[in-house]
Amino acid sequence: MHPSEICSVLFLFIRSDITTTLIPVSVFALITCPNPWEPLHAAQSIIWLLLHLLQFNFSNQLVSIEEDKNNKPYRPLPSHRISVKSVWYLCLCSRVVCLIVSSHFGGMVFCCSTAFVLLTILCNEANGAKSGITKNLLNAGGISMFLLGTLLVLSQNRHHLDIYALNAIALNFAVIATTIHAQDFRDIQGDTKAGRHTLPISMPLFSRYTMLVTLPLWAWVFTMNWDFGPVIKGVFLTFSLYVGIRYTLLKSIDEDNLSYRWYNFVSVYPGFITILLDECYVPA
């Protein structure tokens, strides 16, 4: 296979995660980093994130071929750009590479990588993603490892993070664990054929109304714990309510895709804003 074809195939593995994971996590790390970061560390952190994102997608797409034929037919396996056997080898090799690379950055980063690999196995090979609640928890844990590992690699001190960065990651875990089924509304058709029991499939009305409740609720909790002033509070609450209303009323696949794009901003804003605004360091 020509190098350009290899790059194209690898890109297709992570194409859908560029705007939903790669960019938000990278920006989160750059903003949340507790000390001035160096360009070399920034490049290393993005490479670390890309390696782990690829590792997850190799594993995930091996168990979702039938689903992807309906939801994401451009992906390498349903489009027959690569064989299942080749992806299986890539999955195993990428896990070894992730652990070796992570060990270079110290024990904390290695632990993050190990935890992420285990969460990936639980989510995909162990079918943890077939149940809505476990899928939410596994997704929240995986994204938290993304955030923690990327931030540690970026930092000057790769063995310690300050309390503000840890609080931001913990808050993101809570938000994602209770709302990440936002990504499943657009994939109902494929998930049904794959035999998954995501929350939008098992509890279609309830899961949509949870978006209307949980997003504004987390915005309220967030603004009550940090003093932003009335304008910022109003923007957060209004925008979170808007996204929740979209999920409740606009139910087509195209609208769910758009709602999920907006959701990705709502779900990561706690980490961004806790560092961007000086007031966030002083509890209200």
C-alpha atoms as a PDB file:
ATOM      1  CA  MET A   1       0.000   0.000   0.000  1.00  0.00           C
ATOM      2  CA  HIS A   2       1.315   3.455  -0.956  1.00  0.00           C
ATOM      3  CA  PRO A   3       2.162   5.815   1.951  1.00  0.00           C
ATOM      4  CA  SER A   4      -0.559   8.229   0.844  1.00  0.00           C
ATOM      5  CA  GLU A   5      -3.109   5.397   0.942  1.00  0.00           C
ATOM      6  CA  ILE A   6      -1.949   4.419   4.440  1.00  0.00           C
ATOM      7  CA  CYS A   7      -2.415   7.996   5.642  1.00  0.00           C
ATOM      8  CA  SER A   8      -5.834   8.124   3.996  1.00  0.00           C
ATOM      9  CA  VAL A   9      -6.962   4.900   5.690  1.00  0.00           C
ATOM     10  CA  LEU A  10      -5.672   6.025   9.097  1.00  0.00           C
ATOM     11  CA  PHE A  11      -7.460   9.351   8.649  1.00  0.00           C
ATOM     12  CA  LEU A  12     -10.740   7.570   7.895  1.00  0.00           C
ATOM     13  CA  PHE A  13     -10.431   5.607  11.137  1.00  0.00           C
ATOM     14  CA  ILE A  14     -10.509   8.843  13.165  1.00  0.00           C
ATOM     15  CA  ARG A  15     -12.376  11.159  10.793  1.00  0.00           C
ATOM     16  CA  SER A  16     -15.530  11.323  12.891  1.00  0.00           C
ATOM     17  CA  ASP A  17     -13.493  11.975  16.067  1.00  0.00           C
ATOM     18  CA  ILE A  18     -11.527  15.003  14.881  1.00  0.00           C
ATOM     19  CA  THR A  19     -14.127  17.599  15.844  1.00  0.00           C
ATOM     20  CA  THR A  20     -15.662  15.583  18.701  1.00  0.00           C
ATOM     21  CA  THR A  21     -12.508  14.342  20.472  1.00  0.00           C
ATOM     22  CA  LEU A  22      -9.153  15.351  18.959  1.00  0.00           C
ATOM     23  CA  ILE A  23      -9.729  19.106  18.836  1.00  0.00           C
ATOM     24  CA  PRO A  24     -11.698  19.479  22.133  1.00  0.00           C
ATOM     25  CA  VAL A  25      -9.227  17.347  24.119  1.00  0.00           C
ATOM     26  CA  SER A  26      -6.206  19.134  22.608  1.00  0.00           C
ATOM     27  CA  VAL A  27      -7.662  22.560  23.350  1.00  0.00           C
ATOM     28  CA  PHE A  28      -8.634  21.418  26.852  1.00  0.00           C
ATOM     29  CA  ALA A  29      -5.042  20.370  27.550  1.00  0.00           C
ATOM     30  CA  LEU A  30      -3.522  23.553  26.126  1.00  0.00           C
ATOM     31  CA  ILE A  31      -5.840  25.740  28.187  1.00  0.00           C
ATOM     32  CA  THR A  32      -5.808  23.668  31.360  1.00  0.00           C
ATOM     33  CA  CYS A  33      -2.034  23.109  31.501  1.00  0.00           C
ATOM     34  CA  PRO A  34      -0.960  24.433  34.940  1.00  0.00           C
ATOM     35  CA  ASN A  35       2.271  25.987  33.651  1.00  0.00           C
ATOM     36  CA  PRO A  36       3.566  27.450  30.369  1.00  0.00           C
ATOM     37  CA  TRP A  37       3.863  24.637  27.856  1.00  0.00           C
ATOM     38  CA  GLU A  38       6.639  24.069  25.364  1.00  0.00           C
ATOM     39  CA  PRO A  39       6.033  23.493  21.616  1.00  0.00           C
ATOM     40  CA  LEU A  40       7.800  20.113  21.827  1.00  0.00           C
ATOM     41  CA  HIS A  41       5.528  18.999  24.672  1.00  0.00           C
ATOM     42  CA  ALA A  42       2.486  20.213  22.714  1.00  0.00           C
ATOM     43  CA  ALA A  43       3.493  18.117  19.696  1.00  0.00           C
ATOM     44  CA  GLN A  44       4.172  15.102  21.910  1.00  0.00           C
ATOM     45  CA  SER A  45       0.791  15.432  23.626  1.00  0.00           C
ATOM     46  CA  ILE A  46      -1.085  15.528  20.303  1.00  0.00           C
ATOM     47  CA  ILE A  47       0.864  12.496  19.045  1.00  0.00           C
ATOM     48  CA  TRP A  48       0.049  10.663  22.297  1.00  0.00           C
ATOM     49  CA  LEU A  49      -3.620  11.505  21.857  1.00  0.00           C
ATOM     50  CA  LEU A  50      -3.631  10.436  18.189  1.00  0.00           C
ATOM     51  CA  LEU A  51      -2.021   7.080  19.014  1.00  0.00           C
ATOM     52  CA  HIS A  52      -4.614   6.322  21.680  1.00  0.00           C
ATOM     53  CA  LEU A  53      -7.454   7.546  19.485  1.00  0.00           C
ATOM     54  CA  LEU A  54      -6.312   5.219  16.712  1.00  0.00           C
ATOM     55  CA  GLN A  55      -5.959   2.343  19.163  1.00  0.00           C
ATOM     56  CA  PHE A  56      -9.524   2.842  20.336  1.00  0.00           C
ATOM     57  CA  ASN A  57     -10.908   3.105  16.816  1.00  0.00           C
ATOM     58  CA  PHE A  58      -9.130  -0.022  15.598  1.00  0.00           C
ATOM     59  CA  SER A  59     -10.803  -1.917  18.439  1.00  0.00           C
ATOM     60  CA  ASN A  60     -14.179  -0.196  18.159  1.00  0.00           C
ATOM     61  CA  GLN A  61     -14.531  -0.537  14.408  1.00  0.00           C
ATOM     62  CA  LEU A  62     -13.669  -4.232  14.517  1.00  0.00           C
ATOM     63  CA  VAL A  63     -16.842  -4.851  16.530  1.00  0.00           C
ATOM     64  CA  SER A  64     -19.078  -2.369  14.687  1.00  0.00           C
ATOM     65  CA  ILE A  65     -18.669  -3.289  11.013  1.00  0.00           C
ATOM     66  CA  GLU A  66     -22.369  -3.954  10.429  1.00  0.00           C
ATOM     67  CA  GLU A  67     -23.335  -0.810  12.308  1.00  0.00           C
ATOM     68  CA  ASP A  68     -20.880   1.282  10.292  1.00  0.00           C
ATOM     69  CA  LYS A  69     -22.322   0.003   7.019  1.00  0.00           C
ATOM     70  CA  ASN A  70     -25.398   2.080   7.882  1.00  0.00           C
ATOM     71  CA  ASN A  71     -24.021   4.912   9.999  1.00  0.00           C
ATOM     72  CA  LYS A  72     -20.502   5.507   8.657  1.00  0.00           C
ATOM     73  CA  PRO A  73     -19.986   3.617   5.373  1.00  0.00           C
ATOM     74  CA  TYR A  74     -16.859   5.667   4.552  1.00  0.00           C
ATOM     75  CA  ARG A  75     -14.875   3.937   7.315  1.00  0.00           C
ATOM     76  CA  PRO A  76     -12.074   1.587   6.151  1.00  0.00           C
ATOM     77  CA  LEU A  77     -13.726  -1.739   7.043  1.00  0.00           C
ATOM     78  CA  PRO A  78     -17.225  -1.258   5.569  1.00  0.00           C
ATOM     79  CA  SER A  79     -15.681   0.408   2.492  1.00  0.00           C
ATOM     80  CA  HIS A  80     -13.274  -2.563   2.086  1.00  0.00           C
ATOM     81  CA  ARG A  81     -10.142  -0.418   2.129  1.00  0.00           C
ATOM     82  CA  ILE A  82      -8.505  -2.796   4.601  1.00  0.00           C
ATOM     83  CA  SER A  83      -9.096  -6.346   5.811  1.00  0.00           C
ATOM     84  CA  VAL A  84     -10.409  -7.363   9.226  1.00  0.00           C
ATOM     85  CA  LYS A  85      -7.223  -9.350   9.863  1.00  0.00           C
ATOM     86  CA  SER A  86      -5.061  -6.298   9.173  1.00  0.00           C
ATOM     87  CA  VAL A  87      -7.087  -4.143  11.550  1.00  0.00           C
ATOM     88  CA  TRP A  88      -6.823  -6.821  14.221  1.00  0.00           C
ATOM     89  CA  TYR A  89      -3.023  -6.736  13.923  1.00  0.00           C
ATOM     90  CA  LEU A  90      -3.079  -2.944  13.982  1.00  0.00           C
ATOM     91  CA  CYS A  91      -5.193  -3.037  17.133  1.00  0.00           C
ATOM     92  CA  LEU A  92      -2.766  -5.316  18.971  1.00  0.00           C
ATOM     93  CA  CYS A  93       0.330  -3.471  17.779  1.00  0.00           C
ATOM     94  CA  SER A  94      -1.129  -0.064  18.589  1.00  0.00           C
ATOM     95  CA  ARG A  95      -1.756  -1.134  22.185  1.00  0.00           C
ATOM     96  CA  VAL A  96       1.874  -2.159  22.584  1.00  0.00           C
ATOM     97  CA  VAL A  97       3.042   1.079  20.945  1.00  0.00           C
ATOM     98  CA  CYS A  98       0.786   3.188  23.207  1.00  0.00           C
ATOM     99  CA  LEU A  99       2.186   1.541  26.340  1.00  0.00           C
ATOM    100  CA  ILE A 100       5.817   1.826  25.195  1.00  0.00           C
ATOM    101  CA  VAL A 101       5.433   5.479  24.197  1.00  0.00           C
ATOM    102  CA  SER A 102       3.614   6.275  27.441  1.00  0.00           C
ATOM    103  CA  SER A 103       6.355   4.666  29.544  1.00  0.00           C
ATOM    104  CA  HIS A 104       8.757   7.207  28.047  1.00  0.00           C
ATOM    105  CA  PHE A 105       6.762  10.008  29.693  1.00  0.00           C
ATOM    106  CA  GLY A 106       6.725   8.516  33.195  1.00  0.00           C
ATOM    107  CA  GLY A 107       4.642   6.367  35.500  1.00  0.00           C
ATOM    108  CA  MET A 108       1.535   8.563  35.600  1.00  0.00           C
ATOM    109  CA  VAL A 109       1.208   8.677  31.816  1.00  0.00           C
ATOM    110  CA  PHE A 110       1.855   4.919  31.614  1.00  0.00           C
ATOM    111  CA  CYS A 111      -0.936   4.317  34.140  1.00  0.00           C
ATOM    112  CA  CYS A 112      -3.290   6.497  32.058  1.00  0.00           C
ATOM    113  CA  SER A 113      -2.423   4.510  28.947  1.00  0.00           C
ATOM    114  CA  THR A 114      -2.889   1.177  30.727  1.00  0.00           C
ATOM    115  CA  ALA A 115      -6.259   2.274  32.110  1.00  0.00           C
ATOM    116  CA  PHE A 116      -7.348   3.474  28.674  1.00  0.00           C
ATOM    117  CA  VAL A 117      -6.398   0.166  27.034  1.00  0.00           C
ATOM    118  CA  LEU A 118      -8.359  -1.749  29.686  1.00  0.00           C
ATOM    119  CA  LEU A 119     -11.389   0.534  29.281  1.00  0.00           C
ATOM    120  CA  THR A 120     -11.197   0.035  25.506  1.00  0.00           C
ATOM    121  CA  ILE A 121     -11.232  -3.742  25.925  1.00  0.00           C
ATOM    122  CA  LEU A 122     -14.168  -3.557  28.332  1.00  0.00           C
ATOM    123  CA  CYS A 123     -16.057  -1.252  25.982  1.00  0.00           C
ATOM    124  CA  ASN A 124     -15.460  -3.154  22.743  1.00  0.00           C
ATOM    125  CA  GLU A 125     -14.190  -6.728  23.071  1.00  0.00           C
ATOM    126  CA  ALA A 126     -16.148  -7.321  26.317  1.00  0.00           C
ATOM    127  CA  ASN A 127     -19.294  -5.729  24.804  1.00  0.00           C
ATOM    128  CA  GLY A 128     -19.605  -3.120  27.549  1.00  0.00           C
ATOM    129  CA  ALA A 129     -20.931  -0.653  24.976  1.00  0.00           C
ATOM    130  CA  LYS A 130     -23.995  -2.787  24.264  1.00  0.00           C
ATOM    131  CA  SER A 131     -25.658  -1.569  27.474  1.00  0.00           C
ATOM    132  CA  GLY A 132     -26.552   2.097  27.720  1.00  0.00           C
ATOM    133  CA  ILE A 133     -25.483   2.739  31.326  1.00  0.00           C
ATOM    134  CA  THR A 134     -22.159   0.870  31.137  1.00  0.00           C
ATOM    135  CA  LYS A 135     -21.431   2.542  27.809  1.00  0.00           C
ATOM    136  CA  ASN A 136     -21.890   5.965  29.409  1.00  0.00           C
ATOM    137  CA  LEU A 137     -19.549   5.104  32.280  1.00  0.00           C
ATOM    138  CA  LEU A 138     -16.903   3.530  30.039  1.00  0.00           C
ATOM    139  CA  ASN A 139     -17.026   6.502  27.674  1.00  0.00           C
ATOM    140  CA  ALA A 140     -16.653   8.926  30.562  1.00  0.00           C
ATOM    141  CA  GLY A 141     -13.693   6.963  31.909  1.00  0.00           C
ATOM    142  CA  GLY A 142     -12.044   6.768  28.494  1.00  0.00           C
ATOM    143  CA  ILE A 143     -12.421  10.471  27.768  1.00  0.00           C
ATOM    144  CA  SER A 144     -11.090  11.279  31.250  1.00  0.00           C
ATOM    145  CA  MET A 145      -7.978   9.212  30.456  1.00  0.00           C
ATOM    146  CA  PHE A 146      -7.665  11.107  27.166  1.00  0.00           C
ATOM    147  CA  LEU A 147      -7.788  14.396  29.068  1.00  0.00           C
ATOM    148  CA  LEU A 148      -5.482  13.311  31.884  1.00  0.00           C
ATOM    149  CA  GLY A 149      -2.855  11.670  29.677  1.00  0.00           C
ATOM    150  CA  THR A 150      -2.747  14.486  27.129  1.00  0.00           C
ATOM    151  CA  LEU A 151      -2.475  17.064  29.895  1.00  0.00           C
ATOM    152  CA  LEU A 152       0.321  15.185  31.676  1.00  0.00           C
ATOM    153  CA  VAL A 153       2.378  14.822  28.484  1.00  0.00           C
ATOM    154  CA  LEU A 154       1.923  18.533  27.805  1.00  0.00           C
ATOM    155  CA  SER A 155       2.944  19.600  31.315  1.00  0.00           C
ATOM    156  CA  GLN A 156       6.472  20.376  32.454  1.00  0.00           C
ATOM    157  CA  ASN A 157       5.864  18.169  35.491  1.00  0.00           C
ATOM    158  CA  ARG A 158       4.566  14.885  34.077  1.00  0.00           C
ATOM    159  CA  HIS A 159       4.120  13.336  37.507  1.00  0.00           C
ATOM    160  CA  HIS A 160       1.689  15.816  39.073  1.00  0.00           C
ATOM    161  CA  LEU A 161      -1.294  18.023  38.205  1.00  0.00           C
ATOM    162  CA  ASP A 162      -2.682  20.859  40.291  1.00  0.00           C
ATOM    163  CA  ILE A 163      -6.089  20.686  41.923  1.00  0.00           C
ATOM    164  CA  TYR A 164      -7.735  22.979  39.349  1.00  0.00           C
ATOM    165  CA  ALA A 165      -6.857  20.701  36.428  1.00  0.00           C
ATOM    166  CA  LEU A 166      -8.017  17.627  38.359  1.00  0.00           C
ATOM    167  CA  ASN A 167     -11.287  19.358  39.290  1.00  0.00           C
ATOM    168  CA  ALA A 168     -11.891  20.217  35.638  1.00  0.00           C
ATOM    169  CA  ILE A 169     -11.331  16.581  34.604  1.00  0.00           C
ATOM    170  CA  ALA A 170     -13.578  15.293  37.412  1.00  0.00           C
ATOM    171  CA  LEU A 171     -16.354  17.670  36.388  1.00  0.00           C
ATOM    172  CA  ASN A 172     -16.050  16.588  32.766  1.00  0.00           C
ATOM    173  CA  PHE A 173     -16.321  12.935  33.875  1.00  0.00           C
ATOM    174  CA  ALA A 174     -19.578  13.667  35.681  1.00  0.00           C
ATOM    175  CA  VAL A 175     -21.027  15.606  32.746  1.00  0.00           C
ATOM    176  CA  ILE A 176     -20.067  12.941  30.199  1.00  0.00           C
ATOM    177  CA  ALA A 177     -21.212   9.986  32.342  1.00  0.00           C
ATOM    178  CA  THR A 178     -24.709  11.447  32.550  1.00  0.00           C
ATOM    179  CA  THR A 179     -25.039  12.866  29.022  1.00  0.00           C
ATOM    180  CA  ILE A 180     -22.752  11.014  26.577  1.00  0.00           C
ATOM    181  CA  HIS A 181     -25.715   9.099  25.140  1.00  0.00           C
ATOM    182  CA  ALA A 182     -26.142  12.308  23.152  1.00  0.00           C
ATOM    183  CA  GLN A 183     -23.925  10.628  20.538  1.00  0.00           C
ATOM    184  CA  ASP A 184     -26.255   7.628  20.197  1.00  0.00           C
ATOM    185  CA  PHE A 185     -29.370   9.381  18.883  1.00  0.00           C
ATOM    186  CA  ARG A 186     -27.859   9.788  15.415  1.00  0.00           C
ATOM    187  CA  ASP A 187     -26.837   6.090  15.342  1.00  0.00           C
ATOM    188  CA  ILE A 188     -30.126   4.436  16.364  1.00  0.00           C
ATOM    189  CA  GLN A 189     -30.583   2.593  13.073  1.00  0.00           C
ATOM    190  CA  GLY A 190     -27.102   1.078  13.043  1.00  0.00           C
ATOM    191  CA  ASP A 191     -27.086   0.336  16.782  1.00  0.00           C
ATOM    192  CA  THR A 192     -30.382  -1.527  16.454  1.00  0.00           C
ATOM    193  CA  LYS A 193     -28.999  -3.752  13.697  1.00  0.00           C
ATOM    194  CA  ALA A 194     -25.854  -4.354  15.759  1.00  0.00           C
ATOM    195  CA  GLY A 195     -27.955  -5.530  18.720  1.00  0.00           C
ATOM    196  CA  ARG A 196     -26.960  -2.691  21.030  1.00  0.00           C
ATOM    197  CA  HIS A 197     -29.242  -1.492  23.789  1.00  0.00           C
ATOM    198  CA  THR A 198     -28.212   2.141  24.049  1.00  0.00           C
ATOM    199  CA  LEU A 199     -30.365   4.519  26.063  1.00  0.00           C
ATOM    200  CA  PRO A 200     -31.984   6.111  22.969  1.00  0.00           C
ATOM    201  CA  ILE A 201     -33.071   2.590  21.880  1.00  0.00           C
ATOM    202  CA  SER A 202     -34.147   1.137  25.225  1.00  0.00           C
ATOM    203  CA  MET A 203     -35.662   4.372  26.585  1.00  0.00           C
ATOM    204  CA  PRO A 204     -36.274   6.673  23.600  1.00  0.00           C
ATOM    205  CA  LEU A 205     -38.426   9.347  25.253  1.00  0.00           C
ATOM    206  CA  PHE A 206     -36.710   9.263  28.645  1.00  0.00           C
ATOM    207  CA  SER A 207     -33.245   9.563  27.120  1.00  0.00           C
ATOM    208  CA  ARG A 208     -34.219  12.655  25.135  1.00  0.00           C
ATOM    209  CA  TYR A 209     -35.786  14.327  28.149  1.00  0.00           C
ATOM    210  CA  THR A 210     -32.669  13.613  30.211  1.00  0.00           C
ATOM    211  CA  MET A 211     -30.795  15.923  27.830  1.00  0.00           C
ATOM    212  CA  LEU A 212     -33.301  18.667  28.546  1.00  0.00           C
ATOM    213  CA  VAL A 213     -32.755  18.226  32.291  1.00  0.00           C
ATOM    214  CA  THR A 214     -29.101  17.243  32.746  1.00  0.00           C
ATOM    215  CA  LEU A 215     -27.430  19.808  30.473  1.00  0.00           C
ATOM    216  CA  PRO A 216     -29.019  22.876  32.130  1.00  0.00           C
ATOM    217  CA  LEU A 217     -28.593  21.179  35.545  1.00  0.00           C
ATOM    218  CA  TRP A 218     -24.841  20.744  35.046  1.00  0.00           C
ATOM    219  CA  ALA A 219     -24.613  24.317  33.792  1.00  0.00           C
ATOM    220  CA  TRP A 220     -26.373  25.483  36.955  1.00  0.00           C
ATOM    221  CA  VAL A 221     -24.117  23.367  39.221  1.00  0.00           C
ATOM    222  CA  PHE A 222     -21.086  24.702  37.433  1.00  0.00           C
ATOM    223  CA  THR A 223     -22.068  28.355  37.674  1.00  0.00           C
ATOM    224  CA  MET A 224     -23.033  27.937  41.352  1.00  0.00           C
ATOM    225  CA  ASN A 225     -19.574  26.618  42.221  1.00  0.00           C
ATOM    226  CA  TRP A 226     -17.622  29.323  40.396  1.00  0.00           C
ATOM    227  CA  ASP A 227     -18.363  33.019  40.236  1.00  0.00           C
ATOM    228  CA  PHE A 228     -18.622  34.066  36.588  1.00  0.00           C
ATOM    229  CA  GLY A 229     -20.936  37.008  36.860  1.00  0.00           C
ATOM    230  CA  PRO A 230     -24.504  37.213  35.544  1.00  0.00           C
ATOM    231  CA  VAL A 231     -23.657  37.470  31.831  1.00  0.00           C
ATOM    232  CA  ILE A 232     -21.504  34.316  31.664  1.00  0.00           C
ATOM    233  CA  LYS A 233     -23.994  32.425  33.830  1.00  0.00           C
ATOM    234  CA  GLY A 234     -26.822  33.465  31.532  1.00  0.00           C
ATOM    235  CA  VAL A 235     -24.938  32.367  28.430  1.00  0.00           C
ATOM    236  CA  PHE A 236     -24.126  28.923  29.875  1.00  0.00           C
ATOM    237  CA  LEU A 237     -27.625  28.265  31.141  1.00  0.00           C
ATOM    238  CA  THR A 238     -29.310  29.491  27.959  1.00  0.00           C
ATOM    239  CA  PHE A 239     -27.031  27.574  25.611  1.00  0.00           C
ATOM    240  CA  SER A 240     -27.316  24.355  27.621  1.00  0.00           C
ATOM    241  CA  LEU A 241     -31.094  24.698  27.626  1.00  0.00           C
ATOM    242  CA  TYR A 242     -31.036  25.311  23.856  1.00  0.00           C
ATOM    243  CA  VAL A 243     -29.092  22.080  23.217  1.00  0.00           C
ATOM    244  CA  GLY A 244     -31.442  20.167  25.513  1.00  0.00           C
ATOM    245  CA  ILE A 245     -34.486  21.523  23.659  1.00  0.00           C
ATOM    246  CA  ARG A 246     -32.925  20.544  20.321  1.00  0.00           C
ATOM    247  CA  TYR A 247     -32.621  16.927  21.455  1.00  0.00           C
ATOM    248  CA  THR A 248     -36.191  16.925  22.739  1.00  0.00           C
ATOM    249  CA  LEU A 249     -37.892  18.446  19.698  1.00  0.00           C
ATOM    250  CA  LEU A 250     -35.634  17.896  16.664  1.00  0.00           C
ATOM    251  CA  LYS A 251     -35.364  14.155  16.067  1.00  0.00           C
ATOM    252  CA  SER A 252     -34.196  13.597  12.486  1.00  0.00           C
ATOM    253  CA  ILE A 253     -30.760  12.087  11.842  1.00  0.00           C
ATOM    254  CA  ASP A 254     -29.462  15.371  10.416  1.00  0.00           C
ATOM    255  CA  GLU A 255     -30.747  17.334  13.404  1.00  0.00           C
ATOM    256  CA  ASP A 256     -29.292  14.792  15.839  1.00  0.00           C
ATOM    257  CA  ASN A 257     -25.932  15.127  14.086  1.00  0.00           C
ATOM    258  CA  LEU A 258     -26.066  18.898  14.471  1.00  0.00           C
ATOM    259  CA  SER A 259     -27.243  18.656  18.072  1.00  0.00           C
ATOM    260  CA  TYR A 260     -24.302  16.369  18.844  1.00  0.00           C
ATOM    261  CA  ARG A 261     -21.858  18.936  17.457  1.00  0.00           C
ATOM    262  CA  TRP A 262     -23.335  21.552  19.792  1.00  0.00           C
ATOM    263  CA  TYR A 263     -23.312  19.054  22.639  1.00  0.00           C
ATOM    264  CA  ASN A 264     -19.558  18.584  22.273  1.00  0.00           C
ATOM    265  CA  PHE A 265     -19.052  22.217  23.176  1.00  0.00           C
ATOM    266  CA  VAL A 266     -21.425  22.012  26.135  1.00  0.00           C
ATOM    267  CA  SER A 267     -19.832  18.834  27.482  1.00  0.00           C
ATOM    268  CA  VAL A 268     -16.285  20.212  27.558  1.00  0.00           C
ATOM    269  CA  TYR A 269     -16.890  23.830  28.587  1.00  0.00           C
ATOM    270  CA  PRO A 270     -16.257  23.179  32.319  1.00  0.00           C
ATOM    271  CA  GLY A 271     -12.617  22.367  31.663  1.00  0.00           C
ATOM    272  CA  PHE A 272     -12.149  25.326  29.360  1.00  0.00           C
ATOM    273  CA  ILE A 273     -13.775  27.946  31.502  1.00  0.00           C
ATOM    274  CA  THR A 274     -12.306  26.910  34.846  1.00  0.00           C
ATOM    275  CA  ILE A 275      -8.940  27.949  33.464  1.00  0.00           C
ATOM    276  CA  LEU A 276      -9.901  30.789  31.135  1.00  0.00           C
ATOM    277  CA  LEU A 277     -11.576  32.876  33.819  1.00  0.00           C
ATOM    278  CA  ASP A 278      -9.692  33.977  36.901  1.00  0.00           C
ATOM    279  CA  GLU A 279     -12.886  33.934  38.937  1.00  0.00           C
ATOM    280  CA  CYS A 280     -13.101  30.144  38.660  1.00  0.00           C
ATOM    281  CA  TYR A 281     -10.231  29.759  41.073  1.00  0.00           C
ATOM    282  CA  VAL A 282     -12.260  31.387  43.816  1.00  0.00           C
ATOM    283  CA  PRO A 283     -15.303  29.376  44.931  1.00  0.00           C
ATOM    284  CA  ALA A 284     -18.424  31.470  45.130  1.00  0.00           C
END
